Amino acid sequence: MITRIVRMTFDPDSTESFEKIFAESKEKIRTMEGCEYLSLHVDHHHPNIYYTVSKWQSQAALDTYRQSDFFKNTWARTKVLFSEKPSAYSLDQLTEIP
């Protein structure tokens, strides 16, 4: 299982546009083969910084999603709204404390 965290900083005037894109895309992302979880977060102190957190069954499943036409089209619509370069992290869980 891979946890993917993507940090995105938007122009403050573009956050509404991003939230609309995410609302239109979230169900399709979540139902992609291998996607087990998806959430959207906003920074508590910086309302123009967002994070997506997703969990994927494997690197192959994440790669298939990232190579899909759906991702490419959605990313193209999203990246024009950025005010900074996004950053992404793929994590393997070592421990869970329920």
N, C-alpha and C. Protein backbone atom coordinates (compact mmCIF):
# COMPACT_ATOMS: atom_id res chain seq x y z
N MET A 1 0.85 -1.18 0.00
CA MET A 1 0.00 0.00 0.00
C MET A 1 0.89 1.24 0.00
N ILE A 2 0.57 2.19 -0.85
CA ILE A 2 1.31 3.44 -0.95
C ILE A 2 0.38 4.58 -0.56
N THR A 3 0.85 5.45 0.32
CA THR A 3 0.13 6.68 0.63
C THR A 3 0.79 7.79 -0.17
N ARG A 4 -0.01 8.51 -0.92
CA ARG A 4 0.48 9.59 -1.76
C ARG A 4 -0.06 10.91 -1.23
N ILE A 5 0.85 11.83 -0.93
CA ILE A 5 0.47 13.16 -0.45
C ILE A 5 0.98 14.18 -1.47
N VAL A 6 0.09 15.03 -1.93
CA VAL A 6 0.45 16.07 -2.88
C VAL A 6 0.11 17.43 -2.26
N ARG A 7 1.10 18.30 -2.19
CA ARG A 7 0.92 19.66 -1.64
C ARG A 7 0.85 20.63 -2.81
N MET A 8 -0.22 21.44 -2.82
CA MET A 8 -0.45 22.37 -3.92
C MET A 8 -0.74 23.76 -3.36
N THR A 9 -0.02 24.75 -3.85
CA THR A 9 -0.24 26.14 -3.45
C THR A 9 -0.85 26.88 -4.62
N PHE A 10 -1.98 27.51 -4.36
CA PHE A 10 -2.73 28.20 -5.40
C PHE A 10 -2.72 29.71 -5.18
N ASP A 11 -2.90 30.42 -6.25
CA ASP A 11 -3.19 31.84 -6.14
C ASP A 11 -4.49 31.93 -5.34
N PRO A 12 -4.57 32.81 -4.34
CA PRO A 12 -5.79 32.87 -3.52
C PRO A 12 -7.08 33.04 -4.34
N ASP A 13 -7.00 33.69 -5.46
CA ASP A 13 -8.19 33.86 -6.30
C ASP A 13 -8.56 32.60 -7.08
N SER A 14 -7.72 31.57 -7.00
CA SER A 14 -7.95 30.34 -7.78
C SER A 14 -8.45 29.18 -6.94
N THR A 15 -8.56 29.36 -5.63
CA THR A 15 -8.95 28.22 -4.78
C THR A 15 -10.35 27.71 -5.11
N GLU A 16 -11.26 28.60 -5.40
CA GLU A 16 -12.61 28.18 -5.74
C GLU A 16 -12.61 27.35 -7.02
N SER A 17 -11.82 27.75 -7.99
CA SER A 17 -11.71 26.99 -9.24
C SER A 17 -11.14 25.61 -8.97
N PHE A 18 -10.10 25.54 -8.12
CA PHE A 18 -9.53 24.23 -7.80
C PHE A 18 -10.56 23.35 -7.10
N GLU A 19 -11.26 23.89 -6.12
CA GLU A 19 -12.25 23.08 -5.40
C GLU A 19 -13.33 22.55 -6.35
N LYS A 20 -13.68 23.33 -7.35
CA LYS A 20 -14.65 22.87 -8.34
C LYS A 20 -14.07 21.71 -9.15
N ILE A 21 -12.83 21.85 -9.60
CA ILE A 21 -12.18 20.77 -10.35
C ILE A 21 -12.12 19.50 -9.50
N PHE A 22 -11.75 19.64 -8.23
CA PHE A 22 -11.66 18.48 -7.36
C PHE A 22 -13.03 17.84 -7.17
N ALA A 23 -14.05 18.66 -6.95
CA ALA A 23 -15.41 18.12 -6.77
C ALA A 23 -15.86 17.34 -7.99
N GLU A 24 -15.50 17.82 -9.16
CA GLU A 24 -15.87 17.14 -10.41
C GLU A 24 -15.08 15.85 -10.62
N SER A 25 -13.90 15.75 -10.01
CA SER A 25 -12.97 14.66 -10.28
C SER A 25 -12.90 13.59 -9.20
N LYS A 26 -13.29 13.92 -7.99
CA LYS A 26 -13.01 13.05 -6.84
C LYS A 26 -13.59 11.64 -6.97
N GLU A 27 -14.80 11.52 -7.47
CA GLU A 27 -15.40 10.18 -7.59
C GLU A 27 -14.66 9.33 -8.61
N LYS A 28 -14.26 9.94 -9.71
CA LYS A 28 -13.51 9.21 -10.74
C LYS A 28 -12.16 8.77 -10.20
N ILE A 29 -11.48 9.66 -9.45
CA ILE A 29 -10.19 9.29 -8.86
C ILE A 29 -10.39 8.14 -7.89
N ARG A 30 -11.37 8.29 -7.01
CA ARG A 30 -11.58 7.29 -5.95
C ARG A 30 -11.96 5.92 -6.52
N THR A 31 -12.59 5.91 -7.68
CA THR A 31 -13.00 4.62 -8.25
C THR A 31 -11.99 4.07 -9.26
N MET A 32 -10.85 4.75 -9.40
CA MET A 32 -9.79 4.19 -10.25
C MET A 32 -9.32 2.87 -9.64
N GLU A 33 -9.00 1.93 -10.49
CA GLU A 33 -8.55 0.64 -10.01
C GLU A 33 -7.30 0.83 -9.14
N GLY A 34 -7.35 0.29 -7.94
CA GLY A 34 -6.21 0.36 -7.03
C GLY A 34 -6.26 1.51 -6.04
N CYS A 35 -7.20 2.45 -6.20
CA CYS A 35 -7.32 3.56 -5.24
C CYS A 35 -8.20 3.11 -4.08
N GLU A 36 -7.64 3.13 -2.89
CA GLU A 36 -8.35 2.67 -1.70
C GLU A 36 -8.90 3.81 -0.85
N TYR A 37 -8.38 5.03 -1.05
CA TYR A 37 -8.74 6.15 -0.18
C TYR A 37 -8.37 7.45 -0.87
N LEU A 38 -9.17 8.50 -0.64
CA LEU A 38 -8.88 9.82 -1.17
C LEU A 38 -9.47 10.87 -0.25
N SER A 39 -8.68 11.89 0.07
CA SER A 39 -9.20 13.02 0.85
C SER A 39 -8.51 14.30 0.40
N LEU A 40 -9.18 15.41 0.67
CA LEU A 40 -8.66 16.73 0.37
C LEU A 40 -8.59 17.52 1.67
N HIS A 41 -7.47 18.21 1.86
CA HIS A 41 -7.25 18.99 3.08
C HIS A 41 -6.79 20.39 2.70
N VAL A 42 -7.08 21.34 3.57
CA VAL A 42 -6.59 22.70 3.39
C VAL A 42 -5.77 23.06 4.62
N ASP A 43 -4.67 23.75 4.42
CA ASP A 43 -3.79 24.16 5.51
C ASP A 43 -4.56 25.07 6.47
N HIS A 44 -4.44 24.79 7.74
CA HIS A 44 -5.17 25.53 8.77
C HIS A 44 -4.80 27.01 8.79
N HIS A 45 -3.56 27.32 8.52
CA HIS A 45 -3.07 28.70 8.60
C HIS A 45 -2.94 29.39 7.24
N HIS A 46 -2.96 28.62 6.17
CA HIS A 46 -2.76 29.16 4.82
C HIS A 46 -3.86 28.59 3.92
N PRO A 47 -4.98 29.30 3.79
CA PRO A 47 -6.13 28.73 3.08
C PRO A 47 -5.96 28.57 1.57
N ASN A 48 -4.81 28.93 1.04
CA ASN A 48 -4.56 28.70 -0.38
C ASN A 48 -3.63 27.50 -0.62
N ILE A 49 -3.30 26.78 0.46
CA ILE A 49 -2.46 25.58 0.34
C ILE A 49 -3.34 24.36 0.63
N TYR A 50 -3.35 23.45 -0.33
CA TYR A 50 -4.17 22.24 -0.23
C TYR A 50 -3.28 21.00 -0.30
N TYR A 51 -3.79 19.93 0.26
CA TYR A 51 -3.14 18.63 0.20
C TYR A 51 -4.16 17.59 -0.22
N THR A 52 -3.76 16.70 -1.11
CA THR A 52 -4.55 15.51 -1.35
C THR A 52 -3.80 14.35 -0.71
N VAL A 53 -4.56 13.45 -0.13
CA VAL A 53 -4.01 12.23 0.45
C VAL A 53 -4.75 11.08 -0.21
N SER A 54 -4.00 10.19 -0.80
CA SER A 54 -4.63 9.02 -1.42
C SER A 54 -3.82 7.78 -1.06
N LYS A 55 -4.51 6.65 -1.06
CA LYS A 55 -3.85 5.37 -0.78
C LYS A 55 -4.09 4.46 -1.97
N TRP A 56 -3.00 3.86 -2.42
CA TRP A 56 -3.01 3.03 -3.62
C TRP A 56 -2.51 1.64 -3.27
N GLN A 57 -3.10 0.63 -3.90
CA GLN A 57 -2.71 -0.76 -3.63
C GLN A 57 -1.27 -1.03 -3.99
N SER A 58 -0.75 -0.32 -5.01
CA SER A 58 0.61 -0.58 -5.47
C SER A 58 1.13 0.62 -6.26
N GLN A 59 2.43 0.63 -6.49
CA GLN A 59 3.02 1.66 -7.35
C GLN A 59 2.47 1.55 -8.76
N ALA A 60 2.24 0.32 -9.21
CA ALA A 60 1.70 0.12 -10.56
C ALA A 60 0.31 0.75 -10.69
N ALA A 61 -0.52 0.63 -9.66
CA ALA A 61 -1.86 1.24 -9.71
C ALA A 61 -1.75 2.76 -9.75
N LEU A 62 -0.86 3.34 -8.94
CA LEU A 62 -0.65 4.78 -8.96
C LEU A 62 -0.13 5.23 -10.32
N ASP A 63 0.82 4.50 -10.86
CA ASP A 63 1.38 4.85 -12.17
C ASP A 63 0.32 4.78 -13.28
N THR A 64 -0.52 3.77 -13.23
CA THR A 64 -1.58 3.65 -14.23
C THR A 64 -2.51 4.85 -14.16
N TYR A 65 -2.87 5.27 -12.96
CA TYR A 65 -3.69 6.47 -12.80
C TYR A 65 -2.97 7.70 -13.35
N ARG A 66 -1.71 7.89 -12.98
CA ARG A 66 -0.96 9.07 -13.41
C ARG A 66 -0.72 9.11 -14.92
N GLN A 67 -0.78 7.96 -15.58
CA GLN A 67 -0.59 7.91 -17.03
C GLN A 67 -1.91 7.96 -17.80
N SER A 68 -3.02 8.01 -17.07
CA SER A 68 -4.33 8.00 -17.73
C SER A 68 -4.64 9.36 -18.35
N ASP A 69 -5.46 9.34 -19.39
CA ASP A 69 -5.91 10.59 -20.01
C ASP A 69 -6.69 11.43 -19.01
N PHE A 70 -7.45 10.77 -18.14
CA PHE A 70 -8.22 11.50 -17.12
C PHE A 70 -7.29 12.32 -16.25
N PHE A 71 -6.20 11.70 -15.73
CA PHE A 71 -5.26 12.44 -14.90
C PHE A 71 -4.62 13.58 -15.68
N LYS A 72 -4.16 13.30 -16.88
CA LYS A 72 -3.48 14.32 -17.68
C LYS A 72 -4.39 15.53 -17.92
N ASN A 73 -5.65 15.29 -18.22
CA ASN A 73 -6.59 16.39 -18.45
C ASN A 73 -6.88 17.16 -17.17
N THR A 74 -7.09 16.44 -16.08
CA THR A 74 -7.38 17.08 -14.79
C THR A 74 -6.17 17.88 -14.31
N TRP A 75 -4.99 17.30 -14.44
CA TRP A 75 -3.76 17.98 -14.00
C TRP A 75 -3.52 19.24 -14.83
N ALA A 76 -3.78 19.17 -16.12
CA ALA A 76 -3.60 20.34 -16.99
C ALA A 76 -4.51 21.49 -16.55
N ARG A 77 -5.74 21.18 -16.16
CA ARG A 77 -6.66 22.21 -15.68
C ARG A 77 -6.23 22.75 -14.32
N THR A 78 -5.61 21.91 -13.50
CA THR A 78 -5.22 22.30 -12.15
C THR A 78 -3.92 23.09 -12.12
N LYS A 79 -2.92 22.66 -12.86
CA LYS A 79 -1.60 23.26 -12.74
C LYS A 79 -1.53 24.72 -13.17
N VAL A 80 -2.45 25.15 -14.00
CA VAL A 80 -2.45 26.57 -14.39
C VAL A 80 -2.88 27.48 -13.24
N LEU A 81 -3.43 26.89 -12.18
CA LEU A 81 -3.88 27.66 -11.02
C LEU A 81 -2.82 27.80 -9.94
N PHE A 82 -1.71 27.06 -10.07
CA PHE A 82 -0.68 27.06 -9.03
C PHE A 82 0.04 28.40 -8.94
N SER A 83 0.41 28.79 -7.72
CA SER A 83 1.28 29.95 -7.53
C SER A 83 2.70 29.51 -7.17
N GLU A 84 2.85 28.22 -6.83
CA GLU A 84 4.16 27.62 -6.55
C GLU A 84 4.16 26.21 -7.15
N LYS A 85 5.35 25.69 -7.35
CA LYS A 85 5.48 24.32 -7.84
C LYS A 85 4.94 23.36 -6.78
N PRO A 86 4.11 22.40 -7.18
CA PRO A 86 3.60 21.43 -6.21
C PRO A 86 4.69 20.44 -5.79
N SER A 87 4.45 19.76 -4.69
CA SER A 87 5.36 18.70 -4.27
C SER A 87 4.53 17.47 -3.94
N ALA A 88 5.12 16.30 -4.20
CA ALA A 88 4.42 15.05 -3.98
C ALA A 88 5.33 14.06 -3.27
N TYR A 89 4.72 13.24 -2.42
CA TYR A 89 5.45 12.27 -1.62
C TYR A 89 4.72 10.94 -1.68
N SER A 90 5.46 9.88 -1.91
CA SER A 90 4.91 8.52 -1.88
C SER A 90 5.51 7.83 -0.66
N LEU A 91 4.64 7.35 0.22
CA LEU A 91 5.08 6.82 1.51
C LEU A 91 4.65 5.38 1.69
N ASP A 92 5.53 4.59 2.29
CA ASP A 92 5.20 3.24 2.73
C ASP A 92 5.00 3.31 4.24
N GLN A 93 3.88 2.81 4.71
CA GLN A 93 3.58 2.84 6.14
C GLN A 93 4.40 1.81 6.89
N LEU A 94 5.00 2.24 7.98
CA LEU A 94 5.75 1.32 8.84
C LEU A 94 4.93 0.84 10.02
N THR A 95 4.16 1.74 10.61
CA THR A 95 3.41 1.42 11.82
C THR A 95 2.10 2.17 11.80
N GLU A 96 1.08 1.53 12.37
CA GLU A 96 -0.20 2.20 12.59
C GLU A 96 -0.57 2.03 14.05
N ILE A 97 -0.99 3.12 14.66
CA ILE A 97 -1.40 3.07 16.07
C ILE A 97 -2.88 3.47 16.13
N PRO A 98 -3.78 2.50 16.19
CA PRO A 98 -5.21 2.83 16.17
C PRO A 98 -5.67 3.52 17.45
